[in-house]
Amino acid sequence: MEYRSIAELNDRVVDWIGVLPRDLDLIVGIPRSGMLPANLLALHLHLPFTDVEGLCSGRIMASGQRGVPYPDPERPLNVLVVDDSVCSGISMDRVRATVTNAGLPHRIRYGAVFVTPEAVREGKVELFAEAVPMPRAFEWNILHTRQLDRFCIDFDTVILGGPADTGADSTVGDNAFRAYVEPWFLPRHRVGWLVTRQPDTRREEALAWLARQGVECEELIMPMGPRDLRSPVAFKARIYRETGAELFIEGDPDHASAIAEQTGKPVFCFATRAMIYPGDFPRYRHIPVRAPHRIELAFKWLVRLPLRVVNRLYRRFAREPDCATTVDPKRPAN
């Protein structure tokens, strides 16, 4: 699991400035995740900033007291549209279509801070700062991603925000599922596995509490015996291995480090917003990927052209009814 924090995002944005075109007039962010890197880039370059809707409608965000030069609306601008990441390129293609349909006179380039190597080779994005392979996660959306259905989350230290030693004999544990207990964090997407040290005798109570909070999970995992209660780290590490989850989200920093070492897999610490890696975990950073040349992209387009023509002709003629078999709806059947 590759992870990038907000601090690393800012570092990549600063590094990216050295290879970006020097004639940029306006930075545009793609809502919602693209607004963060676009704003950072605009601040570092001292350029005006807006979103895609603002670009299409001619609206630019106020610059505050920094005296950012307002672009001349009478001349075409050099615009950079920025997203935080590109994987399949579907979102970027959608934005391209929106901007193209607006009929703007500007010269518009598209870029992302983080891209997959496959997206670069396919020419999905023109400008990028770093190629990061999948699976990957970012600090600004790791807790609100649909990938949660492939994650384990510690119920006691993340959802409830209690201490790591929460158990059946603790005050927090006794009150965990009461109506007056306010949750610390509620996931908005379905979670793969919720892991708790609450005893299995409280399963129905726990499931009812989760239902009241609107939290969905594939499985609620509870201790199977006294051994799991005595060794919470070993219990969580075993669940992490057996489920085959992509990531474990733990609230206690010490437990996060121990789980990572015992499983040899990364663990995200909810308290520190840091990804904890085991000592020998391989890191894939700054993968060198060459963007395809325009000639390569033109060749790929020509190779796919016959199939596109055939598909378009098929869709066109498949809709036209055969005159010989057309039935008049007003004519009574024999």
Protein backbone atom coordinates (compact mmCIF):
# COMPACT_ATOMS: atom_id res chain seq x y z
CA MET A 1 0.00 0.00 0.00
CA GLU A 2 1.54 3.28 -1.13
CA TYR A 3 0.57 6.25 1.03
CA ARG A 4 1.01 9.99 0.53
CA SER A 5 0.39 12.55 3.26
CA ILE A 6 -0.61 16.19 2.83
CA ALA A 7 2.98 17.17 3.64
CA GLU A 8 4.24 14.87 0.88
CA LEU A 9 1.62 16.30 -1.48
CA ASN A 10 3.00 19.77 -0.86
CA ASP A 11 6.57 18.53 -1.42
CA ARG A 12 5.58 16.98 -4.76
CA VAL A 13 3.79 20.19 -5.80
CA VAL A 14 6.93 22.21 -5.09
CA ASP A 15 9.08 19.72 -7.04
CA TRP A 16 6.56 19.79 -9.88
CA ILE A 17 6.94 23.54 -10.35
CA GLY A 18 10.41 23.02 -11.80
CA VAL A 19 9.07 21.11 -14.81
CA LEU A 20 5.77 22.92 -15.38
CA PRO A 21 5.41 25.47 -18.21
CA ARG A 22 6.55 28.95 -17.22
CA ASP A 23 3.77 30.80 -19.03
CA LEU A 24 0.82 29.71 -16.86
CA ASP A 25 -1.80 32.37 -16.13
CA LEU A 26 -4.45 30.44 -14.19
CA ILE A 27 -4.64 27.29 -12.03
CA VAL A 28 -7.92 25.33 -12.04
CA GLY A 29 -8.81 22.62 -9.52
CA ILE A 30 -11.07 19.66 -10.20
CA PRO A 31 -13.59 19.34 -7.33
CA ARG A 32 -13.22 17.96 -4.82
CA SER A 33 -9.81 16.37 -4.23
CA GLY A 34 -8.14 18.39 -6.97
CA MET A 35 -8.87 21.67 -5.20
CA LEU A 36 -6.20 21.00 -2.57
CA PRO A 37 -3.18 20.54 -4.89
CA ALA A 38 -4.45 23.26 -7.24
CA ASN A 39 -4.66 25.73 -4.36
CA LEU A 40 -1.16 24.80 -3.17
CA LEU A 41 0.19 25.19 -6.70
CA ALA A 42 -1.49 28.57 -7.13
CA LEU A 43 -0.08 29.77 -3.81
CA HIS A 44 3.47 28.70 -4.65
CA LEU A 45 3.29 30.19 -8.17
CA HIS A 46 1.44 33.33 -7.01
CA LEU A 47 -1.25 32.81 -9.65
CA PRO A 48 -5.05 33.20 -9.62
CA PHE A 49 -7.09 30.11 -8.85
CA THR A 50 -10.57 28.76 -9.59
CA ASP A 51 -12.51 25.54 -10.11
CA VAL A 52 -13.77 23.95 -13.33
CA GLU A 53 -17.18 25.60 -13.08
CA GLY A 54 -15.51 28.97 -12.53
CA LEU A 55 -13.29 28.42 -15.57
CA CYS A 56 -16.28 27.70 -17.80
CA SER A 57 -18.29 30.67 -16.49
CA GLY A 58 -15.40 33.15 -16.34
CA ARG A 59 -15.34 33.38 -12.54
CA ILE A 60 -12.02 33.55 -10.67
CA MET A 61 -11.72 33.30 -6.89
CA ALA A 62 -10.70 36.36 -4.91
CA SER A 63 -6.98 36.61 -4.16
CA GLY A 64 -7.19 38.19 -0.70
CA GLN A 65 -4.41 40.57 0.34
CA ARG A 66 -1.54 38.98 -1.55
CA GLY A 67 -2.03 41.07 -4.67
CA VAL A 68 -2.31 38.20 -7.13
CA PRO A 69 -2.46 39.66 -10.65
CA TYR A 70 -5.91 39.30 -12.15
CA PRO A 71 -5.74 37.86 -15.70
CA ASP A 72 -6.84 40.02 -18.61
CA PRO A 73 -10.27 38.70 -19.68
CA GLU A 74 -9.72 40.02 -23.22
CA ARG A 75 -6.88 37.66 -24.11
CA PRO A 76 -6.59 33.86 -24.18
CA LEU A 77 -4.99 32.41 -21.07
CA ASN A 78 -2.58 29.56 -20.44
CA VAL A 79 -4.54 27.39 -18.04
CA LEU A 80 -3.52 24.31 -16.05
CA VAL A 81 -6.36 22.06 -14.85
CA VAL A 82 -5.17 20.00 -11.87
CA ASP A 83 -6.40 16.90 -10.06
CA ASP A 84 -4.83 15.13 -7.11
CA SER A 85 -4.52 11.80 -8.91
CA VAL A 86 -5.32 9.97 -12.12
CA CYS A 87 -5.87 6.23 -12.30
CA SER A 88 -8.24 5.17 -15.08
CA GLY A 89 -8.55 8.69 -16.48
CA ILE A 90 -12.36 8.61 -16.54
CA SER A 91 -12.76 11.68 -14.30
CA MET A 92 -10.17 13.61 -16.30
CA ASP A 93 -11.90 12.70 -19.58
CA ARG A 94 -15.18 13.96 -18.14
CA VAL A 95 -13.59 17.28 -17.22
CA ARG A 96 -12.00 17.57 -20.68
CA ALA A 97 -15.42 17.11 -22.27
CA THR A 98 -16.96 19.76 -19.99
CA VAL A 99 -14.24 22.29 -20.75
CA THR A 100 -14.31 21.52 -24.49
CA ASN A 101 -18.09 22.00 -24.64
CA ALA A 102 -17.67 25.41 -23.01
CA GLY A 103 -15.86 26.65 -26.14
CA LEU A 104 -13.22 28.61 -24.26
CA PRO A 105 -10.51 30.51 -26.19
CA HIS A 106 -7.79 29.56 -23.71
CA ARG A 107 -4.90 27.14 -24.14
CA ILE A 108 -5.68 24.47 -21.58
CA ARG A 109 -3.33 21.78 -20.24
CA TYR A 110 -4.26 18.96 -17.88
CA GLY A 111 -2.19 17.48 -15.08
CA ALA A 112 -2.23 15.58 -11.81
CA VAL A 113 0.19 15.32 -8.93
CA PHE A 114 -0.02 11.53 -8.61
CA VAL A 115 -0.70 9.14 -11.48
CA THR A 116 -0.41 5.42 -12.04
CA PRO A 117 2.33 4.21 -14.40
CA GLU A 118 -0.40 2.75 -16.64
CA ALA A 119 -2.13 6.13 -16.95
CA VAL A 120 1.14 7.70 -18.08
CA ARG A 121 1.81 5.03 -20.70
CA GLU A 122 -1.73 5.36 -22.03
CA GLY A 123 -1.39 9.14 -22.31
CA LYS A 124 -4.27 9.82 -19.89
CA VAL A 125 -2.56 12.91 -18.50
CA GLU A 126 -0.14 15.41 -20.01
CA LEU A 127 1.67 16.64 -16.89
CA PHE A 128 2.32 14.85 -13.60
CA ALA A 129 4.60 15.02 -10.56
CA GLU A 130 4.96 11.39 -9.46
CA ALA A 131 3.91 7.94 -10.65
CA VAL A 132 2.51 5.89 -7.77
CA PRO A 133 1.37 2.29 -8.39
CA MET A 134 -1.78 0.72 -6.99
CA PRO A 135 -2.86 0.02 -4.30
CA ARG A 136 -2.42 3.49 -2.88
CA ALA A 137 -4.07 5.82 -0.38
CA PHE A 138 -3.95 9.53 0.41
CA GLU A 139 -4.27 11.25 3.77
CA TRP A 140 -7.03 13.57 2.55
CA ASN A 141 -9.43 10.79 1.53
CA ILE A 142 -8.25 7.51 3.10
CA LEU A 143 -11.10 7.54 5.64
CA HIS A 144 -13.76 8.46 3.07
CA THR A 145 -12.91 6.17 0.18
CA ARG A 146 -14.92 3.28 -1.22
CA GLN A 147 -11.83 1.15 -0.60
CA LEU A 148 -13.03 0.82 3.00
CA ASP A 149 -14.73 -2.41 1.98
CA ARG A 150 -11.22 -3.88 1.69
CA PHE A 151 -9.99 -2.47 5.03
CA CYS A 152 -10.04 -3.62 8.65
CA ILE A 153 -10.95 -0.90 11.18
CA ASP A 154 -10.47 -1.18 14.92
CA PHE A 155 -13.87 -0.44 16.38
CA ASP A 156 -12.74 0.54 19.89
CA THR A 157 -9.91 3.00 19.10
CA VAL A 158 -11.21 4.45 15.82
CA ILE A 159 -15.01 4.42 15.85
CA LEU A 160 -15.35 5.01 19.61
CA GLY A 161 -12.02 6.77 20.11
CA GLY A 162 -11.39 4.85 23.34
CA PRO A 163 -8.10 3.51 24.74
CA ALA A 164 -6.39 0.55 23.13
CA ASP A 165 -7.03 -1.70 26.14
CA THR A 166 -10.82 -1.29 25.93
CA GLY A 167 -12.41 -4.54 26.99
CA ALA A 168 -15.45 -6.04 28.64
CA ASP A 169 -14.20 -5.05 32.09
CA SER A 170 -13.51 -1.38 31.32
CA THR A 171 -15.78 1.63 31.79
CA VAL A 172 -15.58 2.60 28.13
CA GLY A 173 -16.36 -0.98 27.17
CA ASP A 174 -19.41 -1.15 29.44
CA ASN A 175 -20.81 2.09 28.00
CA ALA A 176 -19.70 1.52 24.42
CA PHE A 177 -23.10 0.87 22.90
CA ARG A 178 -25.23 3.16 25.03
CA ALA A 179 -27.33 5.77 23.26
CA TYR A 180 -25.49 8.68 24.92
CA VAL A 181 -22.02 7.58 23.71
CA GLU A 182 -20.93 9.85 20.87
CA PRO A 183 -18.80 8.12 18.21
CA TRP A 184 -15.40 9.59 17.42
CA PHE A 185 -15.50 8.69 13.72
CA LEU A 186 -18.21 7.26 11.47
CA PRO A 187 -17.25 5.81 8.07
CA ARG A 188 -19.48 6.95 5.21
CA HIS A 189 -18.85 3.84 3.10
CA ARG A 190 -19.28 0.17 3.82
CA VAL A 191 -16.39 -1.27 5.86
CA GLY A 192 -14.94 -4.68 5.16
CA TRP A 193 -14.20 -5.78 8.73
CA LEU A 194 -14.80 -4.06 12.07
CA VAL A 195 -12.61 -5.53 14.83
CA THR A 196 -13.53 -5.06 18.48
CA ARG A 197 -12.44 -6.48 21.84
CA GLN A 198 -16.02 -6.46 23.08
CA PRO A 199 -17.11 -10.04 23.94
CA ASP A 200 -19.25 -12.00 21.53
CA THR A 201 -22.14 -11.91 24.02
CA ARG A 202 -22.63 -8.24 23.07
CA ARG A 203 -22.79 -8.85 19.30
CA GLU A 204 -26.50 -8.04 18.95
CA GLU A 205 -26.06 -4.90 21.03
CA ALA A 206 -23.08 -3.84 18.89
CA LEU A 207 -24.90 -4.49 15.61
CA ALA A 208 -27.92 -2.49 16.83
CA TRP A 209 -25.62 0.42 17.80
CA LEU A 210 -23.95 0.34 14.37
CA ALA A 211 -27.36 0.33 12.68
CA ARG A 212 -28.44 3.38 14.69
CA GLN A 213 -25.26 5.19 13.61
CA GLY A 214 -25.73 4.19 9.96
CA VAL A 215 -22.46 2.21 9.81
CA GLU A 216 -22.39 -0.78 7.47
CA CYS A 217 -19.80 -3.56 7.58
CA GLU A 218 -19.32 -6.92 5.94
CA GLU A 219 -18.36 -8.58 9.22
CA LEU A 220 -18.07 -7.62 12.88
CA ILE A 221 -15.22 -9.64 14.41
CA MET A 222 -15.13 -10.23 18.17
CA PRO A 223 -12.75 -12.24 20.40
CA MET A 224 -13.27 -15.98 20.39
CA GLY A 225 -11.73 -16.62 23.81
CA PRO A 226 -9.69 -15.28 26.75
CA ARG A 227 -6.46 -15.41 24.73
CA ASP A 228 -7.74 -12.76 22.31
CA LEU A 229 -8.68 -10.53 25.24
CA ARG A 230 -5.27 -10.91 26.87
CA SER A 231 -3.30 -10.09 23.70
CA PRO A 232 -5.12 -7.45 21.63
CA VAL A 233 -2.18 -6.90 19.24
CA ALA A 234 -1.90 -10.60 18.40
CA PHE A 235 -5.69 -10.76 17.98
CA LYS A 236 -5.77 -7.84 15.53
CA ALA A 237 -2.70 -9.09 13.65
CA ARG A 238 -4.31 -12.50 13.22
CA ILE A 239 -7.51 -10.97 11.86
CA TYR A 240 -5.49 -8.77 9.50
CA ARG A 241 -3.70 -11.81 8.07
CA GLU A 242 -6.73 -14.11 7.88
CA THR A 243 -9.06 -11.62 6.18
CA GLY A 244 -6.51 -10.68 3.53
CA ALA A 245 -7.45 -7.02 3.99
CA GLU A 246 -5.45 -4.40 2.09
CA LEU A 247 -5.06 -2.20 5.16
CA PHE A 248 -5.67 -2.12 8.91
CA ILE A 249 -6.74 1.19 10.49
CA GLU A 250 -5.71 1.35 14.16
CA GLY A 251 -6.17 4.20 16.63
CA ASP A 252 -3.28 3.48 19.00
CA PRO A 253 0.24 4.31 17.68
CA ASP A 254 1.96 1.56 19.70
CA HIS A 255 -0.52 -1.06 18.58
CA ALA A 256 -0.25 0.14 14.98
CA SER A 257 3.53 -0.37 14.99
CA ALA A 258 3.22 -3.79 16.62
CA ILE A 259 0.56 -4.99 14.18
CA ALA A 260 2.67 -3.85 11.23
CA GLU A 261 5.70 -5.76 12.52
CA GLN A 262 3.74 -8.93 13.26
CA THR A 263 1.96 -9.02 9.90
CA GLY A 264 4.62 -7.50 7.64
CA LYS A 265 1.89 -5.26 6.21
CA PRO A 266 1.26 -1.50 6.50
CA VAL A 267 -1.06 -0.12 9.18
CA PHE A 268 -2.67 3.33 9.13
CA CYS A 269 -2.60 5.06 12.53
CA PHE A 270 -5.82 7.04 12.97
CA ALA A 271 -4.38 9.13 15.83
CA THR A 272 -1.27 10.37 14.01
CA ARG A 273 -2.56 10.18 10.40
CA ALA A 274 0.61 8.26 9.51
CA MET A 275 1.12 5.04 7.61
CA ILE A 276 3.19 2.62 9.68
CA TYR A 277 5.34 0.24 7.63
CA PRO A 278 7.20 -2.81 8.91
CA GLY A 279 10.96 -2.51 8.82
CA ASP A 280 11.51 -4.59 5.68
CA PHE A 281 8.47 -3.44 3.72
CA PRO A 282 9.47 -2.45 0.15
CA ARG A 283 8.72 1.14 -0.82
CA TYR A 284 8.09 2.16 -4.42
CA ARG A 285 8.85 5.83 -4.58
CA HIS A 286 9.44 8.11 -7.57
CA ILE A 287 9.06 5.45 -10.22
CA PRO A 288 10.60 6.75 -13.47
CA VAL A 289 7.92 6.63 -16.16
CA ARG A 290 8.29 8.21 -19.58
CA ALA A 291 5.27 9.99 -20.99
CA PRO A 292 4.40 8.79 -24.53
CA HIS A 293 5.45 10.96 -27.45
CA ARG A 294 2.80 12.53 -29.65
CA ILE A 295 3.80 10.21 -32.47
CA GLU A 296 3.14 7.19 -30.23
CA LEU A 297 -0.28 8.53 -29.28
CA ALA A 298 -1.11 9.23 -32.95
CA PHE A 299 -0.08 5.68 -33.87
CA LYS A 300 -2.33 4.22 -31.15
CA TRP A 301 -5.20 6.38 -32.41
CA LEU A 302 -4.70 5.13 -35.98
CA VAL A 303 -4.57 1.50 -34.85
CA ARG A 304 -7.89 1.87 -33.04
CA LEU A 305 -9.53 3.90 -35.84
CA PRO A 306 -10.91 0.92 -37.89
CA LEU A 307 -12.58 -0.58 -34.82
CA ARG A 308 -14.11 2.77 -33.94
CA VAL A 309 -15.48 3.19 -37.46
CA VAL A 310 -16.97 -0.30 -37.40
CA ASN A 311 -18.57 0.29 -34.00
CA ARG A 312 -20.05 3.60 -35.11
CA LEU A 313 -21.48 2.09 -38.30
CA TYR A 314 -22.91 -0.81 -36.35
CA ARG A 315 -24.61 1.49 -33.83
CA ARG A 316 -25.99 3.62 -36.65
CA PHE A 317 -27.47 0.85 -38.77
CA ALA A 318 -28.56 -1.32 -35.85
CA ARG A 319 -31.05 1.39 -34.84
CA GLU A 320 -32.62 1.58 -38.34
CA PRO A 321 -35.52 -0.91 -38.71
CA ASP A 322 -35.57 -3.31 -41.64
CA CYS A 323 -38.23 -2.11 -44.12
CA ALA A 324 -39.11 -5.66 -45.12
CA THR A 325 -39.95 -6.70 -41.58
CA THR A 326 -41.56 -3.48 -40.34
CA VAL A 327 -45.05 -4.06 -38.93
CA ASP A 328 -47.68 -1.36 -39.21
CA PRO A 329 -49.12 -0.91 -35.70
CA LYS A 330 -52.50 0.20 -37.15
CA ARG A 331 -52.88 -2.91 -39.31
CA PRO A 332 -54.81 -5.70 -37.54
CA ALA A 333 -53.00 -9.00 -37.14
CA ASN A 334 -54.24 -11.97 -39.23
